[in-house]
């Protein structure tokens, strides 16, 4: 893992946990206000809601990434082929064919 991808992953994790925490805390506070007979304080409801929200946010993020990963690889392969086609005036045919062969073998032989 490069430092740039590590930083990107850390930022994505922080964003996901932060968003889930804020939404969860808001829902916990709303639940406490709607149900005043709950035997917990408002701050405890916010803490619990933030923890649950952060966990659910990460679970949903992982599920979406798991579902969309094959689609992303498929689209990425054809996007690269389209880029090569558009750059056909700049890249020599022999080099372009070698790049296409390499892309094809990596895409279909994973």
C-alpha atoms as a PDB file:
ATOM      1  CA  UNK A   1       0.000   0.000   0.000  1.00  0.00           C
ATOM      2  CA  UNK A   2       1.422   3.376  -0.967  1.00  0.00           C
ATOM      3  CA  UNK A   3       1.269   6.342   1.364  1.00  0.00           C
ATOM      4  CA  UNK A   4      -1.229   8.109  -0.910  1.00  0.00           C
ATOM      5  CA  UNK A   5      -3.624   5.164  -0.941  1.00  0.00           C
ATOM      6  CA  UNK A   6      -3.136   4.722   2.814  1.00  0.00           C
ATOM      7  CA  UNK A   7      -4.013   8.362   3.393  1.00  0.00           C
ATOM      8  CA  UNK A   8      -7.004   8.070   1.067  1.00  0.00           C
ATOM      9  CA  UNK A   9      -8.208   4.987   2.952  1.00  0.00           C
ATOM     10  CA  UNK A  10      -7.771   6.727   6.305  1.00  0.00           C
ATOM     11  CA  UNK A  11      -9.705   9.774   5.098  1.00  0.00           C
ATOM     12  CA  UNK A  12     -12.470   7.562   3.735  1.00  0.00           C
ATOM     13  CA  UNK A  13     -12.673   5.686   7.040  1.00  0.00           C
ATOM     14  CA  UNK A  14     -12.785   8.925   9.042  1.00  0.00           C
ATOM     15  CA  UNK A  15     -15.457  10.372   6.763  1.00  0.00           C
ATOM     16  CA  UNK A  16     -17.555   7.216   6.976  1.00  0.00           C
ATOM     17  CA  UNK A  17     -17.257   6.928  10.742  1.00  0.00           C
ATOM     18  CA  UNK A  18     -17.860  10.632  11.215  1.00  0.00           C
ATOM     19  CA  UNK A  19     -20.980  10.656   9.070  1.00  0.00           C
ATOM     20  CA  UNK A  20     -22.344   7.500  10.686  1.00  0.00           C
ATOM     21  CA  UNK A  21     -21.553   8.847  14.136  1.00  0.00           C
ATOM     22  CA  UNK A  22     -23.327  12.148  13.551  1.00  0.00           C
ATOM     23  CA  UNK A  23     -26.397  10.484  12.049  1.00  0.00           C
ATOM     24  CA  UNK A  24     -26.457   7.875  14.818  1.00  0.00           C
ATOM     25  CA  UNK A  25     -26.071  10.488  17.550  1.00  0.00           C
ATOM     26  CA  UNK A  26     -28.912  12.508  16.064  1.00  0.00           C
ATOM     27  CA  UNK A  27     -31.149   9.455  15.895  1.00  0.00           C
ATOM     28  CA  UNK A  28     -30.216   8.464  19.443  1.00  0.00           C
ATOM     29  CA  UNK A  29     -31.069  11.934  20.702  1.00  0.00           C
ATOM     30  CA  UNK A  30     -34.320  11.936  18.727  1.00  0.00           C
ATOM     31  CA  UNK A  31     -35.243   8.520  20.164  1.00  0.00           C
ATOM     32  CA  UNK A  32     -34.549   9.801  23.676  1.00  0.00           C
ATOM     33  CA  UNK A  33     -36.742  12.870  23.108  1.00  0.00           C
ATOM     34  CA  UNK A  34     -39.575  10.815  21.577  1.00  0.00           C
ATOM     35  CA  UNK A  35     -39.389   8.189  24.318  1.00  0.00           C
ATOM     36  CA  UNK A  36     -38.646  10.143  27.509  1.00  0.00           C
ATOM     37  CA  UNK A  37     -39.249   7.030  29.625  1.00  0.00           C
ATOM     38  CA  UNK A  38     -36.001   5.446  28.426  1.00  0.00           C
ATOM     39  CA  UNK A  39     -33.773   4.854  31.461  1.00  0.00           C
ATOM     40  CA  UNK A  40     -30.746   6.596  29.927  1.00  0.00           C
ATOM     41  CA  UNK A  41     -29.601  10.202  29.763  1.00  0.00           C
ATOM     42  CA  UNK A  42     -29.503  12.249  26.571  1.00  0.00           C
ATOM     43  CA  UNK A  43     -25.712  12.086  26.438  1.00  0.00           C
ATOM     44  CA  UNK A  44     -25.754   8.281  26.790  1.00  0.00           C
ATOM     45  CA  UNK A  45     -28.324   8.082  23.983  1.00  0.00           C
ATOM     46  CA  UNK A  46     -26.062  10.225  21.790  1.00  0.00           C
ATOM     47  CA  UNK A  47     -22.966   8.115  22.571  1.00  0.00           C
ATOM     48  CA  UNK A  48     -24.788   4.861  21.945  1.00  0.00           C
ATOM     49  CA  UNK A  49     -26.385   6.216  18.755  1.00  0.00           C
ATOM     50  CA  UNK A  50     -23.011   7.468  17.504  1.00  0.00           C
ATOM     51  CA  UNK A  51     -21.386   4.070  18.068  1.00  0.00           C
ATOM     52  CA  UNK A  52     -24.217   2.177  16.383  1.00  0.00           C
ATOM     53  CA  UNK A  53     -24.322   4.687  13.521  1.00  0.00           C
ATOM     54  CA  UNK A  54     -20.572   4.418  12.932  1.00  0.00           C
ATOM     55  CA  UNK A  55     -20.727   0.612  12.887  1.00  0.00           C
ATOM     56  CA  UNK A  56     -23.702   0.540  10.510  1.00  0.00           C
ATOM     57  CA  UNK A  57     -22.030   3.093   8.261  1.00  0.00           C
ATOM     58  CA  UNK A  58     -18.930   0.897   7.925  1.00  0.00           C
ATOM     59  CA  UNK A  59     -21.032  -2.220   7.313  1.00  0.00           C
ATOM     60  CA  UNK A  60     -23.026  -0.478   4.575  1.00  0.00           C
ATOM     61  CA  UNK A  61     -19.864   0.981   3.038  1.00  0.00           C
ATOM     62  CA  UNK A  62     -18.222  -2.454   2.922  1.00  0.00           C
ATOM     63  CA  UNK A  63     -21.345  -4.064   1.449  1.00  0.00           C
ATOM     64  CA  UNK A  64     -21.637  -1.439  -1.289  1.00  0.00           C
ATOM     65  CA  UNK A  65     -17.935  -1.769  -2.146  1.00  0.00           C
ATOM     66  CA  UNK A  66     -18.267  -5.557  -2.275  1.00  0.00           C
ATOM     67  CA  UNK A  67     -21.247  -5.333  -4.617  1.00  0.00           C
ATOM     68  CA  UNK A  68     -19.823  -2.635  -6.897  1.00  0.00           C
ATOM     69  CA  UNK A  69     -16.236  -3.953  -7.192  1.00  0.00           C
ATOM     70  CA  UNK A  70     -16.939  -6.288 -10.160  1.00  0.00           C
ATOM     71  CA  UNK A  71     -18.878  -3.572 -11.975  1.00  0.00           C
ATOM     72  CA  UNK A  72     -16.053  -1.110 -11.384  1.00  0.00           C
ATOM     73  CA  UNK A  73     -13.447  -3.498 -12.831  1.00  0.00           C
ATOM     74  CA  UNK A  74     -15.647  -4.158 -15.875  1.00  0.00           C
ATOM     75  CA  UNK A  75     -16.263  -0.463 -16.564  1.00  0.00           C
ATOM     76  CA  UNK A  76     -12.628   0.393 -15.888  1.00  0.00           C
ATOM     77  CA  UNK A  77     -11.411  -2.106 -18.482  1.00  0.00           C
ATOM     78  CA  UNK A  78     -13.606  -0.686 -21.238  1.00  0.00           C
ATOM     79  CA  UNK A  79     -12.823   2.878 -20.155  1.00  0.00           C
ATOM     80  CA  UNK A  80      -9.099   2.168 -20.644  1.00  0.00           C
ATOM     81  CA  UNK A  81      -9.799   0.670 -24.064  1.00  0.00           C
ATOM     82  CA  UNK A  82     -11.747   3.789 -25.012  1.00  0.00           C
ATOM     83  CA  UNK A  83      -8.863   5.978 -23.847  1.00  0.00           C
ATOM     84  CA  UNK A  84      -6.452   3.967 -25.977  1.00  0.00           C
ATOM     85  CA  UNK A  85      -8.747   4.364 -28.966  1.00  0.00           C
ATOM     86  CA  UNK A  86      -8.883   8.130 -28.451  1.00  0.00           C
ATOM     87  CA  UNK A  87      -5.081   8.282 -28.149  1.00  0.00           C
ATOM     88  CA  UNK A  88      -4.545   6.120 -31.243  1.00  0.00           C
ATOM     89  CA  UNK A  89      -3.139   9.108 -33.143  1.00  0.00           C
ATOM     90  CA  UNK A  90      -0.441   9.592 -30.478  1.00  0.00           C
ATOM     91  CA  UNK A  91       0.471   6.025 -29.476  1.00  0.00           C
ATOM     92  CA  UNK A  92       2.121   3.819 -32.121  1.00  0.00           C
ATOM     93  CA  UNK A  93       0.011   0.835 -33.215  1.00  0.00           C
ATOM     94  CA  UNK A  94       2.538  -1.736 -32.002  1.00  0.00           C
ATOM     95  CA  UNK A  95       2.681  -0.199 -28.525  1.00  0.00           C
ATOM     96  CA  UNK A  96      -1.111   0.212 -28.406  1.00  0.00           C
ATOM     97  CA  UNK A  97      -1.616  -3.455 -29.332  1.00  0.00           C
ATOM     98  CA  UNK A  98       0.823  -4.496 -26.596  1.00  0.00           C
ATOM     99  CA  UNK A  99      -1.057  -2.380 -24.034  1.00  0.00           C
ATOM    100  CA  UNK A 100      -4.408  -3.843 -25.129  1.00  0.00           C
ATOM    101  CA  UNK A 101      -3.015  -7.379 -24.920  1.00  0.00           C
ATOM    102  CA  UNK A 102      -1.696  -6.704 -21.410  1.00  0.00           C
ATOM    103  CA  UNK A 103      -4.979  -5.116 -20.272  1.00  0.00           C
ATOM    104  CA  UNK A 104      -6.998  -7.974 -21.728  1.00  0.00           C
ATOM    105  CA  UNK A 105      -4.882 -10.664 -20.115  1.00  0.00           C
ATOM    106  CA  UNK A 106      -5.009  -8.930 -16.715  1.00  0.00           C
ATOM    107  CA  UNK A 107      -8.768  -8.383 -16.973  1.00  0.00           C
ATOM    108  CA  UNK A 108      -9.781 -11.874 -18.067  1.00  0.00           C
ATOM    109  CA  UNK A 109      -7.114 -13.937 -16.307  1.00  0.00           C
ATOM    110  CA  UNK A 110      -7.507 -12.549 -12.788  1.00  0.00           C
END
